[in-house]
Amino acid sequence: MITHGWPKMMKLMGEGPITFPDPLHIGMPASLILTVFAEVICSVFIALGLWTRAFAIPLFITMLVAVLIVHSGDSFSDREGAIQYTLVYALLFVTGGGKFSLDRLFKMD
């Protein structure tokens, strides 16, 4: 997910007007900030296995919005990747970080 979020973060850091989908009608900058938080920050924590369940929630919501709202008019094959990510984040929320995560090492899971 970081590879999807990194260009968005660079867009956020850049100059000029922000143009980004606003599916929840909270404003383009706020939508971009929340998406960058989920796709970059949350992904880093999940990769480390730290607070996995908590950081899976924003990613799940982001992907759910992508599937159901942003790409709702796209064909199933175009939405398939986002659907798979949505299911993976739901699974991570339910199961946690796993045996080799920092959550387990610090007994937070």
PDB file of N, CA and C in Angstrom:
ATOM      1  N   MET A   1       0.820  -1.188   0.000  1.00  0.00           N
ATOM      2  CA  MET A   1       0.000   0.000   0.000  1.00  0.00           C
ATOM      3  C   MET A   1       0.873   1.263   0.000  1.00  0.00           C
ATOM      4  N   ILE A   2       2.079   1.148   0.522  1.00  0.00           N
ATOM      5  CA  ILE A   2       2.956   2.320   0.572  1.00  0.00           C
ATOM      6  C   ILE A   2       3.226   2.841  -0.837  1.00  0.00           C
ATOM      7  N   THR A   3       3.348   1.938  -1.803  1.00  0.00           N
ATOM      8  CA  THR A   3       3.613   2.381  -3.176  1.00  0.00           C
ATOM      9  C   THR A   3       2.434   3.164  -3.757  1.00  0.00           C
ATOM     10  N   HIS A   4       1.243   2.944  -3.239  1.00  0.00           N
ATOM     11  CA  HIS A   4       0.084   3.719  -3.664  1.00  0.00           C
ATOM     12  C   HIS A   4       0.026   5.054  -2.923  1.00  0.00           C
ATOM     13  N   GLY A   5       0.454   5.049  -1.676  1.00  0.00           N
ATOM     14  CA  GLY A   5       0.363   6.243  -0.845  1.00  0.00           C
ATOM     15  C   GLY A   5       1.491   7.240  -1.042  1.00  0.00           C
ATOM     16  N   TRP A   6       2.662   6.745  -1.446  1.00  0.00           N
ATOM     17  CA  TRP A   6       3.823   7.635  -1.579  1.00  0.00           C
ATOM     18  C   TRP A   6       3.584   8.767  -2.581  1.00  0.00           C
ATOM     19  N   PRO A   7       3.093   8.473  -3.799  1.00  0.00           N
ATOM     20  CA  PRO A   7       2.825   9.588  -4.723  1.00  0.00           C
ATOM     21  C   PRO A   7       1.784  10.569  -4.180  1.00  0.00           C
ATOM     22  N   LYS A   8       0.831  10.055  -3.423  1.00  0.00           N
ATOM     23  CA  LYS A   8      -0.172  10.941  -2.823  1.00  0.00           C
ATOM     24  C   LYS A   8       0.466  11.828  -1.763  1.00  0.00           C
ATOM     25  N   MET A   9       1.422  11.278  -1.015  1.00  0.00           N
ATOM     26  CA  MET A   9       2.112  12.070  -0.011  1.00  0.00           C
ATOM     27  C   MET A   9       2.956  13.155  -0.683  1.00  0.00           C
ATOM     28  N   MET A  10       3.584  12.820  -1.796  1.00  0.00           N
ATOM     29  CA  MET A  10       4.360  13.826  -2.522  1.00  0.00           C
ATOM     30  C   MET A  10       3.439  14.920  -3.064  1.00  0.00           C
ATOM     31  N   LYS A  11       2.253  14.555  -3.486  1.00  0.00           N
ATOM     32  CA  LYS A  11       1.263  15.538  -3.940  1.00  0.00           C
ATOM     33  C   LYS A  11       0.865  16.448  -2.779  1.00  0.00           C
ATOM     34  N   LEU A  12       0.721  15.865  -1.602  1.00  0.00           N
ATOM     35  CA  LEU A  12       0.354  16.624  -0.414  1.00  0.00           C
ATOM     36  C   LEU A  12       1.464  17.593  -0.020  1.00  0.00           C
ATOM     37  N   MET A  13       2.714  17.179  -0.183  1.00  0.00           N
ATOM     38  CA  MET A  13       3.857  18.014   0.188  1.00  0.00           C
ATOM     39  C   MET A  13       4.155  19.092  -0.862  1.00  0.00           C
ATOM     40  N   GLY A  14       3.658  18.884  -2.080  1.00  0.00           N
ATOM     41  CA  GLY A  14       3.942  19.809  -3.177  1.00  0.00           C
ATOM     42  C   GLY A  14       3.189  21.110  -3.052  1.00  0.00           C
ATOM     43  N   GLU A  15       3.558  21.990  -3.945  1.00  0.00           N
ATOM     44  CA  GLU A  15       2.896  23.296  -3.971  1.00  0.00           C
ATOM     45  C   GLU A  15       1.754  23.263  -4.967  1.00  0.00           C
ATOM     46  N   GLY A  16       0.895  24.229  -4.861  1.00  0.00           N
ATOM     47  CA  GLY A  16      -0.217  24.325  -5.793  1.00  0.00           C
ATOM     48  C   GLY A  16      -1.487  23.748  -5.214  1.00  0.00           C
ATOM     49  N   PRO A  17      -2.556  23.874  -5.960  1.00  0.00           N
ATOM     50  CA  PRO A  17      -3.854  23.395  -5.473  1.00  0.00           C
ATOM     51  C   PRO A  17      -3.907  21.867  -5.429  1.00  0.00           C
ATOM     52  N   ILE A  18      -4.617  21.359  -4.452  1.00  0.00           N
ATOM     53  CA  ILE A  18      -4.778  19.919  -4.306  1.00  0.00           C
ATOM     54  C   ILE A  18      -6.023  19.483  -5.055  1.00  0.00           C
ATOM     55  N   THR A  19      -5.844  18.544  -5.948  1.00  0.00           N
ATOM     56  CA  THR A  19      -6.984  17.937  -6.630  1.00  0.00           C
ATOM     57  C   THR A  19      -6.965  16.455  -6.289  1.00  0.00           C
ATOM     58  N   PHE A  20      -8.026  16.034  -5.638  1.00  0.00           N
ATOM     59  CA  PHE A  20      -8.123  14.659  -5.166  1.00  0.00           C
ATOM     60  C   PHE A  20      -9.602  14.346  -4.996  1.00  0.00           C
ATOM     61  N   PRO A  21     -10.017  13.103  -5.237  1.00  0.00           N
ATOM     62  CA  PRO A  21     -11.436  12.774  -5.026  1.00  0.00           C
ATOM     63  C   PRO A  21     -11.874  13.062  -3.591  1.00  0.00           C
ATOM     64  N   ASP A  22     -13.108  13.520  -3.446  1.00  0.00           N
ATOM     65  CA  ASP A  22     -13.660  13.837  -2.133  1.00  0.00           C
ATOM     66  C   ASP A  22     -14.957  13.048  -1.933  1.00  0.00           C
ATOM     67  N   PRO A  23     -14.854  11.719  -1.806  1.00  0.00           N
ATOM     68  CA  PRO A  23     -16.060  10.889  -1.759  1.00  0.00           C
ATOM     69  C   PRO A  23     -16.905  11.081  -0.507  1.00  0.00           C
ATOM     70  N   LEU A  24     -16.300  11.529   0.583  1.00  0.00           N
ATOM     71  CA  LEU A  24     -17.041  11.690   1.833  1.00  0.00           C
ATOM     72  C   LEU A  24     -17.467  13.145   2.076  1.00  0.00           C
ATOM     73  N   HIS A  25     -17.142  14.021   1.119  1.00  0.00           N
ATOM     74  CA  HIS A  25     -17.514  15.440   1.185  1.00  0.00           C
ATOM     75  C   HIS A  25     -16.961  16.131   2.430  1.00  0.00           C
ATOM     76  N   ILE A  26     -15.679  15.863   2.699  1.00  0.00           N
ATOM     77  CA  ILE A  26     -15.004  16.523   3.816  1.00  0.00           C
ATOM     78  C   ILE A  26     -13.943  17.504   3.313  1.00  0.00           C
ATOM     79  N   GLY A  27     -13.841  17.647   2.011  1.00  0.00           N
ATOM     80  CA  GLY A  27     -12.859  18.531   1.389  1.00  0.00           C
ATOM     81  C   GLY A  27     -11.715  17.723   0.803  1.00  0.00           C
ATOM     82  N   MET A  28     -11.203  18.213  -0.321  1.00  0.00           N
ATOM     83  CA  MET A  28     -10.116  17.493  -0.994  1.00  0.00           C
ATOM     84  C   MET A  28      -8.857  17.373  -0.134  1.00  0.00           C
ATOM     85  N   PRO A  29      -8.421  18.450   0.529  1.00  0.00           N
ATOM     86  CA  PRO A  29      -7.216  18.301   1.364  1.00  0.00           C
ATOM     87  C   PRO A  29      -7.404  17.278   2.488  1.00  0.00           C
ATOM     88  N   ALA A  30      -8.562  17.307   3.147  1.00  0.00           N
ATOM     89  CA  ALA A  30      -8.802  16.357   4.243  1.00  0.00           C
ATOM     90  C   ALA A  30      -8.857  14.923   3.719  1.00  0.00           C
ATOM     91  N   SER A  31      -9.480  14.717   2.578  1.00  0.00           N
ATOM     92  CA  SER A  31      -9.530  13.370   1.988  1.00  0.00           C
ATOM     93  C   SER A  31      -8.131  12.875   1.656  1.00  0.00           C
ATOM     94  N   LEU A  32      -7.311  13.753   1.097  1.00  0.00           N
ATOM     95  CA  LEU A  32      -5.944  13.369   0.746  1.00  0.00           C
ATOM     96  C   LEU A  32      -5.125  13.068   1.999  1.00  0.00           C
ATOM     97  N   ILE A  33      -5.261  13.890   3.024  1.00  0.00           N
ATOM     98  CA  ILE A  33      -4.518  13.672   4.275  1.00  0.00           C
ATOM     99  C   ILE A  33      -4.902  12.329   4.903  1.00  0.00           C
ATOM    100  N   LEU A  34      -6.187  12.030   4.971  1.00  0.00           N
ATOM    101  CA  LEU A  34      -6.630  10.757   5.547  1.00  0.00           C
ATOM    102  C   LEU A  34      -6.150   9.565   4.725  1.00  0.00           C
ATOM    103  N   THR A  35      -6.164   9.713   3.412  1.00  0.00           N
ATOM    104  CA  THR A  35      -5.694   8.627   2.546  1.00  0.00           C
ATOM    105  C   THR A  35      -4.198   8.414   2.706  1.00  0.00           C
ATOM    106  N   VAL A  36      -3.436   9.488   2.778  1.00  0.00           N
ATOM    107  CA  VAL A  36      -1.981   9.375   2.981  1.00  0.00           C
ATOM    108  C   VAL A  36      -1.690   8.745   4.338  1.00  0.00           C
ATOM    109  N   PHE A  37      -2.413   9.159   5.368  1.00  0.00           N
ATOM    110  CA  PHE A  37      -2.225   8.561   6.693  1.00  0.00           C
ATOM    111  C   PHE A  37      -2.436   7.051   6.628  1.00  0.00           C
ATOM    112  N   ALA A  38      -3.533   6.645   5.994  1.00  0.00           N
ATOM    113  CA  ALA A  38      -3.841   5.214   5.925  1.00  0.00           C
ATOM    114  C   ALA A  38      -2.808   4.474   5.096  1.00  0.00           C
ATOM    115  N   GLU A  39      -2.542   4.955   3.884  1.00  0.00           N
ATOM    116  CA  GLU A  39      -1.716   4.200   2.952  1.00  0.00           C
ATOM    117  C   GLU A  39      -0.233   4.235   3.282  1.00  0.00           C
ATOM    118  N   VAL A  40       0.236   5.262   3.955  1.00  0.00           N
ATOM    119  CA  VAL A  40       1.673   5.341   4.277  1.00  0.00           C
ATOM    120  C   VAL A  40       1.921   4.994   5.746  1.00  0.00           C
ATOM    121  N   ILE A  41       1.368   5.774   6.647  1.00  0.00           N
ATOM    122  CA  ILE A  41       1.652   5.601   8.082  1.00  0.00           C
ATOM    123  C   ILE A  41       1.133   4.258   8.584  1.00  0.00           C
ATOM    124  N   CYS A  42      -0.132   3.974   8.327  1.00  0.00           N
ATOM    125  CA  CYS A  42      -0.711   2.708   8.801  1.00  0.00           C
ATOM    126  C   CYS A  42      -0.013   1.506   8.186  1.00  0.00           C
ATOM    127  N   SER A  43       0.367   1.620   6.918  1.00  0.00           N
ATOM    128  CA  SER A  43       1.064   0.514   6.252  1.00  0.00           C
ATOM    129  C   SER A  43       2.418   0.228   6.890  1.00  0.00           C
ATOM    130  N   VAL A  44       3.117   1.275   7.291  1.00  0.00           N
ATOM    131  CA  VAL A  44       4.416   1.085   7.951  1.00  0.00           C
ATOM    132  C   VAL A  44       4.220   0.343   9.270  1.00  0.00           C
ATOM    133  N   PHE A  45       3.242   0.744  10.051  1.00  0.00           N
ATOM    134  CA  PHE A  45       2.993   0.074  11.327  1.00  0.00           C
ATOM    135  C   PHE A  45       2.574  -1.379  11.133  1.00  0.00           C
ATOM    136  N   ILE A  46       1.762  -1.645  10.115  1.00  0.00           N
ATOM    137  CA  ILE A  46       1.356  -3.025   9.851  1.00  0.00           C
ATOM    138  C   ILE A  46       2.551  -3.847   9.386  1.00  0.00           C
ATOM    139  N   ALA A  47       3.415  -3.264   8.567  1.00  0.00           N
ATOM    140  CA  ALA A  47       4.610  -3.981   8.113  1.00  0.00           C
ATOM    141  C   ALA A  47       5.510  -4.338   9.291  1.00  0.00           C
ATOM    142  N   LEU A  48       5.557  -3.464  10.287  1.00  0.00           N
ATOM    143  CA  LEU A  48       6.339  -3.746  11.495  1.00  0.00           C
ATOM    144  C   LEU A  48       5.613  -4.697  12.432  1.00  0.00           C
ATOM    145  N   GLY A  49       4.319  -4.830  12.237  1.00  0.00           N
ATOM    146  CA  GLY A  49       3.531  -5.672  13.132  1.00  0.00           C
ATOM    147  C   GLY A  49       3.281  -4.987  14.460  1.00  0.00           C
ATOM    148  N   LEU A  50       3.168  -3.680  14.436  1.00  0.00           N
ATOM    149  CA  LEU A  50       2.985  -2.903  15.655  1.00  0.00           C
ATOM    150  C   LEU A  50       1.600  -2.263  15.639  1.00  0.00           C
ATOM    151  N   TRP A  51       0.789  -2.569  16.653  1.00  0.00           N
ATOM    152  CA  TRP A  51      -0.595  -2.107  16.734  1.00  0.00           C
ATOM    153  C   TRP A  51      -1.355  -2.465  15.451  1.00  0.00           C
ATOM    154  N   THR A  52      -1.156  -3.679  15.011  1.00  0.00           N
ATOM    155  CA  THR A  52      -1.689  -4.142  13.736  1.00  0.00           C
ATOM    156  C   THR A  52      -3.195  -3.977  13.639  1.00  0.00           C
ATOM    157  N   ARG A  53      -3.900  -4.402  14.642  1.00  0.00           N
ATOM    158  CA  ARG A  53      -5.364  -4.329  14.577  1.00  0.00           C
ATOM    159  C   ARG A  53      -5.853  -2.893  14.482  1.00  0.00           C
ATOM    160  N   ALA A  54      -5.283  -2.012  15.255  1.00  0.00           N
ATOM    161  CA  ALA A  54      -5.710  -0.612  15.234  1.00  0.00           C
ATOM    162  C   ALA A  54      -5.422   0.045  13.880  1.00  0.00           C
ATOM    163  N   PHE A  55      -4.251  -0.231  13.312  1.00  0.00           N
ATOM    164  CA  PHE A  55      -3.888   0.401  12.052  1.00  0.00           C
ATOM    165  C   PHE A  55      -4.516  -0.282  10.842  1.00  0.00           C
ATOM    166  N   ALA A  56      -5.096  -1.447  11.026  1.00  0.00           N
ATOM    167  CA  ALA A  56      -5.823  -2.096   9.928  1.00  0.00           C
ATOM    168  C   ALA A  56      -7.170  -1.415   9.693  1.00  0.00           C
ATOM    169  N   ILE A  57      -7.717  -0.771  10.711  1.00  0.00           N
ATOM    170  CA  ILE A  57      -9.032  -0.135  10.586  1.00  0.00           C
ATOM    171  C   ILE A  57      -9.033   1.009   9.569  1.00  0.00           C
ATOM    172  N   PRO A  58      -8.106   1.990   9.661  1.00  0.00           N
ATOM    173  CA  PRO A  58      -8.115   3.052   8.639  1.00  0.00           C
ATOM    174  C   PRO A  58      -7.869   2.528   7.225  1.00  0.00           C
ATOM    175  N   LEU A  59      -7.022   1.513   7.105  1.00  0.00           N
ATOM    176  CA  LEU A  59      -6.782   0.947   5.784  1.00  0.00           C
ATOM    177  C   LEU A  59      -8.018   0.235   5.253  1.00  0.00           C
ATOM    178  N   PHE A  60      -8.714  -0.482   6.123  1.00  0.00           N
ATOM    179  CA  PHE A  60      -9.954  -1.148   5.727  1.00  0.00           C
ATOM    180  C   PHE A  60     -10.976  -0.116   5.249  1.00  0.00           C
ATOM    181  N   ILE A  61     -11.136   0.961   5.998  1.00  0.00           N
ATOM    182  CA  ILE A  61     -12.099   2.001   5.638  1.00  0.00           C
ATOM    183  C   ILE A  61     -11.703   2.671   4.328  1.00  0.00           C
ATOM    184  N   THR A  62     -10.424   2.975   4.166  1.00  0.00           N
ATOM    185  CA  THR A  62      -9.942   3.593   2.931  1.00  0.00           C
ATOM    186  C   THR A  62     -10.234   2.715   1.723  1.00  0.00           C
ATOM    187  N   MET A  63      -9.961   1.434   1.843  1.00  0.00           N
ATOM    188  CA  MET A  63     -10.190   0.527   0.722  1.00  0.00           C
ATOM    189  C   MET A  63     -11.679   0.309   0.483  1.00  0.00           C
ATOM    190  N   LEU A  64     -12.460   0.298   1.536  1.00  0.00           N
ATOM    191  CA  LEU A  64     -13.904   0.149   1.386  1.00  0.00           C
ATOM    192  C   LEU A  64     -14.492   1.355   0.633  1.00  0.00           C
ATOM    193  N   VAL A  65     -14.025   2.549   0.969  1.00  0.00           N
ATOM    194  CA  VAL A  65     -14.463   3.756   0.252  1.00  0.00           C
ATOM    195  C   VAL A  65     -14.020   3.681  -1.205  1.00  0.00           C
ATOM    196  N   ALA A  66     -12.799   3.209  -1.440  1.00  0.00           N
ATOM    197  CA  ALA A  66     -12.308   3.081  -2.819  1.00  0.00           C
ATOM    198  C   ALA A  66     -13.184   2.127  -3.628  1.00  0.00           C
ATOM    199  N   VAL A  67     -13.536   0.986  -3.032  1.00  0.00           N
ATOM    200  CA  VAL A  67     -14.329  -0.024  -3.743  1.00  0.00           C
ATOM    201  C   VAL A  67     -15.763   0.436  -3.950  1.00  0.00           C
ATOM    202  N   LEU A  68     -16.384   0.939  -2.898  1.00  0.00           N
ATOM    203  CA  LEU A  68     -17.819   1.221  -2.954  1.00  0.00           C
ATOM    204  C   LEU A  68     -18.186   2.599  -3.506  1.00  0.00           C
ATOM    205  N   ILE A  69     -17.269   3.564  -3.405  1.00  0.00           N
ATOM    206  CA  ILE A  69     -17.623   4.916  -3.822  1.00  0.00           C
ATOM    207  C   ILE A  69     -16.751   5.394  -4.991  1.00  0.00           C
ATOM    208  N   VAL A  70     -15.439   5.445  -4.781  1.00  0.00           N
ATOM    209  CA  VAL A  70     -14.553   6.033  -5.785  1.00  0.00           C
ATOM    210  C   VAL A  70     -14.565   5.232  -7.087  1.00  0.00           C
ATOM    211  N   HIS A  71     -14.488   3.920  -7.000  1.00  0.00           N
ATOM    212  CA  HIS A  71     -14.433   3.067  -8.191  1.00  0.00           C
ATOM    213  C   HIS A  71     -15.737   2.307  -8.419  1.00  0.00           C
ATOM    214  N   SER A  72     -16.834   2.842  -7.929  1.00  0.00           N
ATOM    215  CA  SER A  72     -18.109   2.123  -8.027  1.00  0.00           C
ATOM    216  C   SER A  72     -18.545   1.886  -9.468  1.00  0.00           C
ATOM    217  N   GLY A  73     -18.175   2.755 -10.371  1.00  0.00           N
ATOM    218  CA  GLY A  73     -18.569   2.591 -11.768  1.00  0.00           C
ATOM    219  C   GLY A  73     -17.637   1.721 -12.574  1.00  0.00           C
ATOM    220  N   ASP A  74     -16.514   1.325 -11.981  1.00  0.00           N
ATOM    221  CA  ASP A  74     -15.532   0.500 -12.691  1.00  0.00           C
ATOM    222  C   ASP A  74     -15.998  -0.947 -12.751  1.00  0.00           C
ATOM    223  N   SER A  75     -15.420  -1.688 -13.665  1.00  0.00           N
ATOM    224  CA  SER A  75     -15.746  -3.113 -13.764  1.00  0.00           C
ATOM    225  C   SER A  75     -15.170  -3.863 -12.565  1.00  0.00           C
ATOM    226  N   PHE A  76     -15.674  -5.064 -12.360  1.00  0.00           N
ATOM    227  CA  PHE A  76     -15.197  -5.863 -11.236  1.00  0.00           C
ATOM    228  C   PHE A  76     -13.700  -6.120 -11.339  1.00  0.00           C
ATOM    229  N   SER A  77     -13.208  -6.381 -12.536  1.00  0.00           N
ATOM    230  CA  SER A  77     -11.778  -6.681 -12.694  1.00  0.00           C
ATOM    231  C   SER A  77     -10.909  -5.479 -12.335  1.00  0.00           C
ATOM    232  N   ASP A  78     -11.424  -4.254 -12.536  1.00  0.00           N
ATOM    233  CA  ASP A  78     -10.672  -3.061 -12.153  1.00  0.00           C
ATOM    234  C   ASP A  78     -10.700  -2.830 -10.640  1.00  0.00           C
ATOM    235  N   ARG A  79     -11.733  -3.327  -9.985  1.00  0.00           N
ATOM    236  CA  ARG A  79     -11.861  -3.163  -8.527  1.00  0.00           C
ATOM    237  C   ARG A  79     -11.332  -4.355  -7.745  1.00  0.00           C
ATOM    238  N   GLU A  80     -10.946  -5.393  -8.434  1.00  0.00           N
ATOM    239  CA  GLU A  80     -10.566  -6.640  -7.773  1.00  0.00           C
ATOM    240  C   GLU A  80      -9.427  -6.464  -6.768  1.00  0.00           C
ATOM    241  N   GLY A  81      -8.399  -5.712  -7.137  1.00  0.00           N
ATOM    242  CA  GLY A  81      -7.272  -5.491  -6.221  1.00  0.00           C
ATOM    243  C   GLY A  81      -7.705  -4.786  -4.948  1.00  0.00           C
ATOM    244  N   ALA A  82      -8.533  -3.759  -5.092  1.00  0.00           N
ATOM    245  CA  ALA A  82      -9.021  -3.026  -3.921  1.00  0.00           C
ATOM    246  C   ALA A  82      -9.893  -3.909  -3.041  1.00  0.00           C
ATOM    247  N   ILE A  83     -10.672  -4.783  -3.655  1.00  0.00           N
ATOM    248  CA  ILE A  83     -11.501  -5.720  -2.887  1.00  0.00           C
ATOM    249  C   ILE A  83     -10.615  -6.675  -2.098  1.00  0.00           C
ATOM    250  N   GLN A  84      -9.553  -7.154  -2.734  1.00  0.00           N
ATOM    251  CA  GLN A  84      -8.636  -8.060  -2.042  1.00  0.00           C
ATOM    252  C   GLN A  84      -7.953  -7.366  -0.870  1.00  0.00           C
ATOM    253  N   TYR A  85      -7.512  -6.136  -1.070  1.00  0.00           N
ATOM    254  CA  TYR A  85      -6.917  -5.380   0.035  1.00  0.00           C
ATOM    255  C   TYR A  85      -7.914  -5.208   1.176  1.00  0.00           C
ATOM    256  N   THR A  86      -9.154  -4.902   0.839  1.00  0.00           N
ATOM    257  CA  THR A  86     -10.197  -4.723   1.853  1.00  0.00           C
ATOM    258  C   THR A  86     -10.341  -5.987   2.696  1.00  0.00           C
ATOM    259  N   LEU A  87     -10.381  -7.130   2.040  1.00  0.00           N
ATOM    260  CA  LEU A  87     -10.518  -8.400   2.757  1.00  0.00           C
ATOM    261  C   LEU A  87      -9.289  -8.702   3.612  1.00  0.00           C
ATOM    262  N   VAL A  88      -8.106  -8.391   3.105  1.00  0.00           N
ATOM    263  CA  VAL A  88      -6.871  -8.623   3.874  1.00  0.00           C
ATOM    264  C   VAL A  88      -6.850  -7.768   5.138  1.00  0.00           C
ATOM    265  N   TYR A  89      -7.248  -6.495   5.021  1.00  0.00           N
ATOM    266  CA  TYR A  89      -7.247  -5.631   6.205  1.00  0.00           C
ATOM    267  C   TYR A  89      -8.305  -6.062   7.210  1.00  0.00           C
ATOM    268  N   ALA A  90      -9.431  -6.583   6.736  1.00  0.00           N
ATOM    269  CA  ALA A  90     -10.438  -7.130   7.650  1.00  0.00           C
ATOM    270  C   ALA A  90      -9.869  -8.344   8.375  1.00  0.00           C
ATOM    271  N   LEU A  91      -9.161  -9.183   7.653  1.00  0.00           N
ATOM    272  CA  LEU A  91      -8.544 -10.368   8.249  1.00  0.00           C
ATOM    273  C   LEU A  91      -7.473  -9.981   9.264  1.00  0.00           C
ATOM    274  N   LEU A  92      -6.655  -8.978   8.947  1.00  0.00           N
ATOM    275  CA  LEU A  92      -5.635  -8.520   9.894  1.00  0.00           C
ATOM    276  C   LEU A  92      -6.272  -7.952  11.158  1.00  0.00           C
ATOM    277  N   PHE A  93      -7.402  -7.293  11.006  1.00  0.00           N
ATOM    278  CA  PHE A  93      -8.099  -6.769  12.185  1.00  0.00           C
ATOM    279  C   PHE A  93      -8.568  -7.909  13.082  1.00  0.00           C
ATOM    280  N   VAL A  94      -9.067  -8.963  12.477  1.00  0.00           N
ATOM    281  CA  VAL A  94      -9.592 -10.094  13.243  1.00  0.00           C
ATOM    282  C   VAL A  94      -8.470 -10.920  13.861  1.00  0.00           C
ATOM    283  N   THR A  95      -7.424 -11.184  13.095  1.00  0.00           N
ATOM    284  CA  THR A  95      -6.374 -12.109  13.554  1.00  0.00           C
ATOM    285  C   THR A  95      -5.205 -11.438  14.259  1.00  0.00           C
ATOM    286  N   GLY A  96      -4.952 -10.169  13.983  1.00  0.00           N
ATOM    287  CA  GLY A  96      -3.803  -9.505  14.578  1.00  0.00           C
ATOM    288  C   GLY A  96      -2.556  -9.713  13.751  1.00  0.00           C
ATOM    289  N   GLY A  97      -1.433  -9.274  14.297  1.00  0.00           N
ATOM    290  CA  GLY A  97      -0.169  -9.272  13.562  1.00  0.00           C
ATOM    291  C   GLY A  97       0.487 -10.614  13.365  1.00  0.00           C
ATOM    292  N   GLY A  98       0.221 -11.547  14.216  1.00  0.00           N
ATOM    293  CA  GLY A  98       0.793 -12.875  14.031  1.00  0.00           C
ATOM    294  C   GLY A  98       2.011 -13.154  14.888  1.00  0.00           C
ATOM    295  N   LYS A  99       2.568 -14.307  14.639  1.00  0.00           N
ATOM    296  CA  LYS A  99       3.639 -14.875  15.460  1.00  0.00           C
ATOM    297  C   LYS A  99       4.921 -14.038  15.471  1.00  0.00           C
ATOM    298  N   PHE A 100       5.261 -13.430  14.350  1.00  0.00           N
ATOM    299  CA  PHE A 100       6.530 -12.712  14.253  1.00  0.00           C
ATOM    300  C   PHE A 100       6.368 -11.188  14.318  1.00  0.00           C
ATOM    301  N   SER A 101       5.252 -10.708  14.807  1.00  0.00           N
ATOM    302  CA  SER A 101       5.008  -9.268  14.873  1.00  0.00           C
ATOM    303  C   SER A 101       5.566  -8.677  16.166  1.00  0.00           C
ATOM    304  N   LEU A 102       5.740  -7.362  16.149  1.00  0.00           N
ATOM    305  CA  LEU A 102       6.158  -6.670  17.369  1.00  0.00           C
ATOM    306  C   LEU A 102       5.049  -6.683  18.408  1.00  0.00           C
ATOM    307  N   ASP A 103       3.806  -6.759  17.949  1.00  0.00           N
ATOM    308  CA  ASP A 103       2.680  -6.894  18.886  1.00  0.00           C
ATOM    309  C   ASP A 103       2.885  -8.115  19.777  1.00  0.00           C
ATOM    310  N   ARG A 104       3.232  -9.204  19.182  1.00  0.00           N
ATOM    311  CA  ARG A 104       3.430 -10.462  19.925  1.00  0.00           C
ATOM    312  C   ARG A 104       4.659 -10.355  20.838  1.00  0.00           C
ATOM    313  N   LEU A 105       5.727  -9.761  20.309  1.00  0.00           N
ATOM    314  CA  LEU A 105       6.949  -9.622  21.079  1.00  0.00           C
ATOM    315  C   LEU A 105       6.718  -8.792  22.340  1.00  0.00           C
ATOM    316  N   PHE A 106       5.936  -7.723  22.207  1.00  0.00           N
ATOM    317  CA  PHE A 106       5.654  -6.841  23.340  1.00  0.00           C
ATOM    318  C   PHE A 106       4.379  -7.242  24.081  1.00  0.00           C
ATOM    319  N   LYS A 107       3.803  -8.383  23.706  1.00  0.00           N
ATOM    320  CA  LYS A 107       2.589  -8.916  24.328  1.00  0.00           C
ATOM    321  C   LYS A 107       1.429  -7.922  24.287  1.00  0.00           C
ATOM    322  N   MET A 108       1.258  -7.302  23.101  1.00  0.00           N
ATOM    323  CA  MET A 108       0.189  -6.315  22.918  1.00  0.00           C
ATOM    324  C   MET A 108      -0.968  -6.915  22.141  1.00  0.00           C
ATOM    325  N   ASP A 109      -0.830  -8.157  21.702  1.00  0.00           N
ATOM    326  CA  ASP A 109      -1.861  -8.765  20.867  1.00  0.00           C
ATOM    327  C   ASP A 109      -2.711  -9.731  21.646  1.00  0.00           C
TER     328      ASP A 109
END
